[in-house]
Amino acid sequence: MRILMVGDVIGRPGRRAVRSLMPGLRHELELDLVIANAENAAGGKGLTPATAEELLRSGVDVLTSGNHIWAQKEIIPYLDGELPILRPLNYSPYAPGHGYLVWSKAQLSESQVLIVNLAGRTFMSDADCPFRAMD
């Protein structure tokens, strides 16, 4: 399985780069799964339903985030929905959203990937220990 992780997609220029480059990269590298950190995709801080949908339409399969996921309040109801958006697992279990998901591609039904989103704690007082959360 070929997987690509795209670092922080920031604002309109980042979304434009993903939209422009991802189709070619998916084909050229024969990618099965693309994960992108999208917590700064909306105006440089946060994620909105529209920016999430734009990235997913551009060829990204799963969106990860960090502490900025909460910056655009309109995304919060979507974190518990069907969109493949992950908030850090090591935030409060009462926080909206999911910290992991099991992903599978229809053509690769026998192949599943566990995707976990964890936040480090340096300068991040809201996150619990990522190692304990992963356990």
N, C-alpha and C. Protein backbone atom coordinates (compact mmCIF):
# COMPACT_ATOMS: atom_id res chain seq x y z
N MET A 1 0.84 -1.17 0.00
CA MET A 1 0.00 0.00 0.00
C MET A 1 0.89 1.24 0.00
N ARG A 2 0.56 2.18 -0.84
CA ARG A 2 1.32 3.43 -0.95
C ARG A 2 0.53 4.56 -0.29
N ILE A 3 1.18 5.19 0.69
CA ILE A 3 0.52 6.23 1.50
C ILE A 3 1.35 7.50 1.43
N LEU A 4 0.67 8.64 1.33
CA LEU A 4 1.32 9.94 1.37
C LEU A 4 0.73 10.75 2.51
N MET A 5 1.58 11.35 3.32
CA MET A 5 1.14 12.27 4.37
C MET A 5 1.57 13.67 3.95
N VAL A 6 0.59 14.55 3.83
CA VAL A 6 0.85 15.94 3.46
C VAL A 6 0.88 16.76 4.74
N GLY A 7 1.94 17.53 4.92
CA GLY A 7 2.05 18.37 6.10
C GLY A 7 1.00 19.46 6.12
N ASP A 8 1.14 20.38 6.97
CA ASP A 8 0.14 21.42 7.22
C ASP A 8 -0.27 22.16 5.96
N VAL A 9 -1.53 22.01 5.57
CA VAL A 9 -2.11 22.75 4.44
C VAL A 9 -2.59 24.08 5.01
N ILE A 10 -1.98 25.17 4.57
CA ILE A 10 -2.27 26.48 5.16
C ILE A 10 -2.98 27.38 4.18
N GLY A 11 -4.21 27.74 4.54
CA GLY A 11 -5.00 28.72 3.80
C GLY A 11 -5.27 28.38 2.35
N ARG A 12 -5.70 29.40 1.61
CA ARG A 12 -6.04 29.23 0.20
C ARG A 12 -4.84 28.78 -0.64
N PRO A 13 -3.62 29.33 -0.41
CA PRO A 13 -2.49 28.84 -1.21
C PRO A 13 -2.22 27.35 -1.00
N GLY A 14 -2.35 26.86 0.21
CA GLY A 14 -2.16 25.44 0.48
C GLY A 14 -3.22 24.59 -0.19
N ARG A 15 -4.46 25.03 -0.09
CA ARG A 15 -5.55 24.29 -0.74
C ARG A 15 -5.39 24.28 -2.26
N ARG A 16 -4.96 25.42 -2.80
CA ARG A 16 -4.73 25.52 -4.25
C ARG A 16 -3.62 24.55 -4.67
N ALA A 17 -2.56 24.47 -3.89
CA ALA A 17 -1.46 23.55 -4.20
C ALA A 17 -1.94 22.10 -4.17
N VAL A 18 -2.73 21.74 -3.17
CA VAL A 18 -3.27 20.38 -3.09
C VAL A 18 -4.16 20.09 -4.29
N ARG A 19 -5.05 21.02 -4.58
CA ARG A 19 -5.98 20.85 -5.72
C ARG A 19 -5.22 20.70 -7.03
N SER A 20 -4.14 21.44 -7.18
CA SER A 20 -3.37 21.43 -8.42
C SER A 20 -2.47 20.20 -8.54
N LEU A 21 -1.83 19.80 -7.46
CA LEU A 21 -0.81 18.75 -7.51
C LEU A 21 -1.30 17.34 -7.20
N MET A 22 -2.34 17.23 -6.38
CA MET A 22 -2.73 15.91 -5.89
C MET A 22 -3.15 14.92 -6.98
N PRO A 23 -3.96 15.31 -7.96
CA PRO A 23 -4.32 14.32 -8.98
C PRO A 23 -3.10 13.72 -9.68
N GLY A 24 -2.15 14.55 -10.04
CA GLY A 24 -0.94 14.06 -10.69
C GLY A 24 -0.09 13.20 -9.77
N LEU A 25 0.04 13.61 -8.51
CA LEU A 25 0.81 12.81 -7.55
C LEU A 25 0.17 11.46 -7.30
N ARG A 26 -1.15 11.45 -7.16
CA ARG A 26 -1.85 10.17 -6.93
C ARG A 26 -1.56 9.21 -8.07
N HIS A 27 -1.60 9.72 -9.29
CA HIS A 27 -1.35 8.87 -10.46
C HIS A 27 0.13 8.47 -10.54
N GLU A 28 1.01 9.46 -10.49
CA GLU A 28 2.44 9.22 -10.66
C GLU A 28 3.00 8.27 -9.59
N LEU A 29 2.60 8.45 -8.35
CA LEU A 29 3.11 7.63 -7.24
C LEU A 29 2.24 6.42 -6.94
N GLU A 30 1.15 6.27 -7.69
CA GLU A 30 0.20 5.16 -7.50
C GLU A 30 -0.25 5.07 -6.04
N LEU A 31 -0.70 6.21 -5.52
CA LEU A 31 -1.08 6.31 -4.11
C LEU A 31 -2.42 5.65 -3.84
N ASP A 32 -2.48 4.92 -2.74
CA ASP A 32 -3.72 4.30 -2.29
C ASP A 32 -4.42 5.16 -1.24
N LEU A 33 -3.63 5.90 -0.46
CA LEU A 33 -4.17 6.67 0.66
C LEU A 33 -3.40 7.96 0.79
N VAL A 34 -4.14 9.07 0.91
CA VAL A 34 -3.53 10.38 1.14
C VAL A 34 -4.14 10.96 2.40
N ILE A 35 -3.27 11.34 3.34
CA ILE A 35 -3.67 11.96 4.60
C ILE A 35 -3.07 13.35 4.60
N ALA A 36 -3.83 14.35 5.01
CA ALA A 36 -3.32 15.72 5.06
C ALA A 36 -3.71 16.38 6.37
N ASN A 37 -2.77 17.10 6.96
CA ASN A 37 -3.10 17.90 8.14
C ASN A 37 -3.76 19.17 7.65
N ALA A 38 -4.99 19.40 8.10
CA ALA A 38 -5.81 20.48 7.56
C ALA A 38 -6.25 21.48 8.62
N GLU A 39 -5.62 21.48 9.77
CA GLU A 39 -6.10 22.34 10.85
C GLU A 39 -5.91 23.83 10.58
N ASN A 40 -5.16 24.18 9.55
CA ASN A 40 -4.95 25.59 9.21
C ASN A 40 -5.41 25.90 7.78
N ALA A 41 -6.28 25.06 7.25
CA ALA A 41 -6.69 25.19 5.86
C ALA A 41 -7.66 26.35 5.61
N ALA A 42 -8.35 26.81 6.63
CA ALA A 42 -9.33 27.90 6.47
C ALA A 42 -8.71 29.21 6.93
N GLY A 43 -8.28 30.00 6.00
CA GLY A 43 -7.73 31.30 6.34
C GLY A 43 -6.50 31.24 7.21
N GLY A 44 -5.80 30.13 7.22
CA GLY A 44 -4.58 30.01 8.00
C GLY A 44 -4.78 29.51 9.41
N LYS A 45 -6.03 29.36 9.85
CA LYS A 45 -6.26 28.85 11.21
C LYS A 45 -7.64 28.23 11.28
N GLY A 46 -7.68 26.92 11.46
CA GLY A 46 -8.94 26.21 11.56
C GLY A 46 -9.32 25.52 10.26
N LEU A 47 -10.50 24.91 10.30
CA LEU A 47 -11.04 24.17 9.17
C LEU A 47 -12.54 24.42 9.15
N THR A 48 -13.09 24.60 7.97
CA THR A 48 -14.53 24.77 7.82
C THR A 48 -15.07 23.58 7.02
N PRO A 49 -16.37 23.36 7.04
CA PRO A 49 -16.92 22.28 6.20
C PRO A 49 -16.56 22.47 4.72
N ALA A 50 -16.58 23.71 4.25
CA ALA A 50 -16.28 23.96 2.83
C ALA A 50 -14.82 23.66 2.50
N THR A 51 -13.89 24.06 3.38
CA THR A 51 -12.48 23.78 3.10
C THR A 51 -12.18 22.29 3.24
N ALA A 52 -12.86 21.61 4.16
CA ALA A 52 -12.69 20.16 4.30
C ALA A 52 -13.16 19.48 3.02
N GLU A 53 -14.34 19.84 2.54
CA GLU A 53 -14.88 19.23 1.32
C GLU A 53 -13.97 19.51 0.12
N GLU A 54 -13.42 20.72 0.05
CA GLU A 54 -12.52 21.06 -1.05
C GLU A 54 -11.30 20.14 -1.06
N LEU A 55 -10.70 19.91 0.09
CA LEU A 55 -9.53 19.04 0.17
C LEU A 55 -9.89 17.59 -0.15
N LEU A 56 -11.03 17.14 0.31
CA LEU A 56 -11.46 15.77 0.02
C LEU A 56 -11.75 15.59 -1.47
N ARG A 57 -12.36 16.58 -2.09
CA ARG A 57 -12.61 16.53 -3.54
C ARG A 57 -11.31 16.57 -4.34
N SER A 58 -10.27 17.16 -3.75
CA SER A 58 -8.97 17.30 -4.42
C SER A 58 -8.15 16.02 -4.39
N GLY A 59 -8.63 15.00 -3.69
CA GLY A 59 -7.91 13.74 -3.67
C GLY A 59 -7.33 13.33 -2.34
N VAL A 60 -7.62 14.09 -1.29
CA VAL A 60 -7.20 13.71 0.05
C VAL A 60 -8.26 12.76 0.62
N ASP A 61 -7.83 11.71 1.29
CA ASP A 61 -8.76 10.73 1.84
C ASP A 61 -9.12 10.98 3.30
N VAL A 62 -8.15 11.43 4.10
CA VAL A 62 -8.37 11.64 5.53
C VAL A 62 -7.70 12.96 5.93
N LEU A 63 -8.40 13.73 6.76
CA LEU A 63 -7.88 15.01 7.26
C LEU A 63 -7.55 14.88 8.74
N THR A 64 -6.34 15.28 9.10
CA THR A 64 -5.95 15.30 10.50
C THR A 64 -5.91 16.75 10.96
N SER A 65 -5.75 16.93 12.27
CA SER A 65 -5.78 18.28 12.82
C SER A 65 -4.94 18.35 14.09
N GLY A 66 -5.07 19.46 14.76
CA GLY A 66 -4.39 19.71 16.03
C GLY A 66 -5.22 20.69 16.82
N ASN A 67 -4.56 21.50 17.61
CA ASN A 67 -5.28 22.42 18.48
C ASN A 67 -6.06 23.50 17.73
N HIS A 68 -5.73 23.78 16.49
CA HIS A 68 -6.45 24.81 15.74
C HIS A 68 -7.76 24.31 15.14
N ILE A 69 -8.06 23.03 15.29
CA ILE A 69 -9.30 22.49 14.74
C ILE A 69 -10.52 23.21 15.30
N TRP A 70 -10.40 23.76 16.49
CA TRP A 70 -11.53 24.41 17.16
C TRP A 70 -11.68 25.88 16.76
N ALA A 71 -10.78 26.42 15.94
CA ALA A 71 -10.77 27.86 15.62
C ALA A 71 -11.99 28.31 14.81
N GLN A 72 -12.50 27.45 13.94
CA GLN A 72 -13.67 27.78 13.13
C GLN A 72 -14.84 26.95 13.66
N LYS A 73 -15.70 27.57 14.42
CA LYS A 73 -16.75 26.85 15.15
C LYS A 73 -17.70 26.05 14.26
N GLU A 74 -17.86 26.45 13.00
CA GLU A 74 -18.82 25.74 12.15
C GLU A 74 -18.38 24.31 11.82
N ILE A 75 -17.11 23.96 12.06
CA ILE A 75 -16.66 22.59 11.79
C ILE A 75 -17.06 21.63 12.91
N ILE A 76 -17.32 22.14 14.10
CA ILE A 76 -17.53 21.28 15.26
C ILE A 76 -18.63 20.23 15.06
N PRO A 77 -19.81 20.57 14.55
CA PRO A 77 -20.82 19.52 14.35
C PRO A 77 -20.38 18.44 13.36
N TYR A 78 -19.50 18.77 12.45
CA TYR A 78 -19.04 17.82 11.43
C TYR A 78 -18.01 16.83 11.98
N LEU A 79 -17.41 17.15 13.10
CA LEU A 79 -16.37 16.27 13.66
C LEU A 79 -16.94 14.94 14.11
N ASP A 80 -18.22 14.89 14.44
CA ASP A 80 -18.86 13.64 14.82
C ASP A 80 -19.63 13.01 13.65
N GLY A 81 -19.50 13.61 12.48
CA GLY A 81 -20.24 13.13 11.31
C GLY A 81 -19.46 12.13 10.47
N GLU A 82 -19.82 12.08 9.22
CA GLU A 82 -19.26 11.09 8.29
C GLU A 82 -17.96 11.53 7.62
N LEU A 83 -17.65 12.83 7.66
CA LEU A 83 -16.42 13.26 7.01
C LEU A 83 -15.21 12.66 7.72
N PRO A 84 -14.20 12.23 6.99
CA PRO A 84 -13.01 11.63 7.60
C PRO A 84 -12.05 12.69 8.14
N ILE A 85 -12.48 13.32 9.24
CA ILE A 85 -11.69 14.35 9.90
C ILE A 85 -11.34 13.84 11.29
N LEU A 86 -10.07 13.91 11.65
CA LEU A 86 -9.63 13.46 12.96
C LEU A 86 -9.15 14.63 13.79
N ARG A 87 -9.60 14.68 15.04
CA ARG A 87 -9.03 15.60 16.02
C ARG A 87 -8.03 14.78 16.83
N PRO A 88 -7.15 15.43 17.59
CA PRO A 88 -6.19 14.65 18.37
C PRO A 88 -6.88 13.70 19.35
N LEU A 89 -6.46 12.46 19.34
CA LEU A 89 -6.99 11.44 20.25
C LEU A 89 -6.73 11.80 21.71
N ASN A 90 -5.62 12.46 21.97
CA ASN A 90 -5.24 12.73 23.35
C ASN A 90 -5.81 14.05 23.89
N TYR A 91 -6.91 14.51 23.28
CA TYR A 91 -7.71 15.57 23.88
C TYR A 91 -8.80 14.89 24.71
N SER A 92 -9.55 15.66 25.41
CA SER A 92 -10.59 15.11 26.28
C SER A 92 -11.50 14.15 25.51
N PRO A 93 -11.87 13.03 26.13
CA PRO A 93 -12.80 12.12 25.46
C PRO A 93 -14.18 12.75 25.25
N TYR A 94 -14.42 13.87 25.91
CA TYR A 94 -15.70 14.58 25.75
C TYR A 94 -15.66 15.60 24.62
N ALA A 95 -14.48 15.81 24.05
CA ALA A 95 -14.36 16.74 22.92
C ALA A 95 -15.04 16.13 21.70
N PRO A 96 -15.66 16.96 20.88
CA PRO A 96 -16.30 16.44 19.67
C PRO A 96 -15.29 15.75 18.75
N GLY A 97 -15.75 14.77 18.04
CA GLY A 97 -14.91 14.14 17.03
C GLY A 97 -14.25 12.86 17.48
N HIS A 98 -13.42 12.37 16.58
CA HIS A 98 -12.74 11.09 16.78
C HIS A 98 -11.24 11.28 16.62
N GLY A 99 -10.48 10.53 17.38
CA GLY A 99 -9.02 10.61 17.30
C GLY A 99 -8.40 9.54 16.42
N TYR A 100 -9.22 8.63 15.93
CA TYR A 100 -8.71 7.59 15.04
C TYR A 100 -9.84 7.08 14.15
N LEU A 101 -9.45 6.41 13.09
CA LEU A 101 -10.42 5.72 12.25
C LEU A 101 -9.73 4.57 11.53
N VAL A 102 -10.50 3.60 11.15
CA VAL A 102 -10.01 2.49 10.34
C VAL A 102 -10.44 2.79 8.91
N TRP A 103 -9.46 2.90 8.03
CA TRP A 103 -9.71 3.28 6.64
C TRP A 103 -9.48 2.07 5.75
N SER A 104 -10.34 1.93 4.78
CA SER A 104 -10.11 0.91 3.75
C SER A 104 -10.59 1.45 2.43
N LYS A 105 -9.94 1.04 1.39
CA LYS A 105 -10.29 1.46 0.04
C LYS A 105 -11.11 0.33 -0.59
N ALA A 106 -12.13 0.67 -1.29
CA ALA A 106 -13.02 -0.33 -1.87
C ALA A 106 -12.26 -1.37 -2.68
N GLN A 107 -11.29 -0.92 -3.48
CA GLN A 107 -10.54 -1.85 -4.32
C GLN A 107 -9.57 -2.71 -3.50
N LEU A 108 -9.28 -2.30 -2.27
CA LEU A 108 -8.34 -3.03 -1.41
C LEU A 108 -9.06 -3.50 -0.16
N SER A 109 -10.20 -4.13 -0.32
CA SER A 109 -11.05 -4.47 0.81
C SER A 109 -10.34 -5.31 1.86
N GLU A 110 -9.32 -6.08 1.46
CA GLU A 110 -8.60 -6.87 2.44
C GLU A 110 -7.55 -6.04 3.20
N SER A 111 -7.30 -4.82 2.74
CA SER A 111 -6.31 -3.95 3.39
C SER A 111 -7.00 -2.85 4.16
N GLN A 112 -6.72 -2.81 5.43
CA GLN A 112 -7.24 -1.73 6.27
C GLN A 112 -6.07 -1.04 6.95
N VAL A 113 -6.24 0.25 7.20
CA VAL A 113 -5.21 1.05 7.85
C VAL A 113 -5.84 1.75 9.05
N LEU A 114 -5.20 1.64 10.19
CA LEU A 114 -5.61 2.39 11.37
C LEU A 114 -4.87 3.71 11.35
N ILE A 115 -5.62 4.80 11.32
CA ILE A 115 -5.03 6.14 11.31
C ILE A 115 -5.34 6.77 12.66
N VAL A 116 -4.30 7.16 13.37
CA VAL A 116 -4.43 7.76 14.70
C VAL A 116 -3.83 9.16 14.64
N ASN A 117 -4.52 10.12 15.23
CA ASN A 117 -4.05 11.50 15.28
C ASN A 117 -3.72 11.83 16.73
N LEU A 118 -2.46 12.12 17.01
CA LEU A 118 -2.01 12.47 18.36
C LEU A 118 -1.32 13.81 18.33
N ALA A 119 -1.48 14.59 19.38
CA ALA A 119 -0.81 15.90 19.50
C ALA A 119 0.31 15.79 20.53
N GLY A 120 1.41 16.43 20.23
CA GLY A 120 2.48 16.53 21.21
C GLY A 120 2.08 17.48 22.33
N ARG A 121 2.86 17.51 23.41
CA ARG A 121 2.46 18.35 24.55
C ARG A 121 3.34 19.56 24.76
N THR A 122 4.41 19.71 24.01
CA THR A 122 5.25 20.88 24.17
C THR A 122 4.45 22.12 23.78
N PHE A 123 4.30 23.04 24.71
CA PHE A 123 3.50 24.25 24.52
C PHE A 123 2.02 23.97 24.29
N MET A 124 1.55 22.78 24.61
CA MET A 124 0.15 22.40 24.40
C MET A 124 -0.43 21.92 25.72
N SER A 125 -1.01 22.80 26.47
CA SER A 125 -1.49 22.42 27.80
C SER A 125 -2.79 21.61 27.77
N ASP A 126 -3.52 21.61 26.66
CA ASP A 126 -4.80 20.91 26.61
C ASP A 126 -4.67 19.42 26.29
N ALA A 127 -3.51 19.00 25.82
CA ALA A 127 -3.37 17.62 25.40
C ALA A 127 -2.89 16.73 26.53
N ASP A 128 -3.46 15.54 26.62
CA ASP A 128 -3.00 14.52 27.55
C ASP A 128 -1.77 13.85 26.96
N CYS A 129 -1.15 12.99 27.69
CA CYS A 129 0.04 12.27 27.22
C CYS A 129 -0.31 11.45 25.99
N PRO A 130 0.36 11.69 24.86
CA PRO A 130 0.04 10.94 23.64
C PRO A 130 0.32 9.44 23.79
N PHE A 131 1.33 9.08 24.57
CA PHE A 131 1.65 7.67 24.74
C PHE A 131 0.56 6.95 25.53
N ARG A 132 0.05 7.61 26.56
CA ARG A 132 -1.04 7.02 27.35
C ARG A 132 -2.30 6.91 26.49
N ALA A 133 -2.58 7.93 25.71
CA ALA A 133 -3.77 7.89 24.83
C ALA A 133 -3.65 6.76 23.82
N MET A 134 -2.47 6.55 23.29
CA MET A 134 -2.28 5.50 22.29
C MET A 134 -2.44 4.12 22.92
N ASP A 135 -1.97 3.98 24.14
CA ASP A 135 -2.15 2.69 24.83
C ASP A 135 -3.61 2.36 24.94
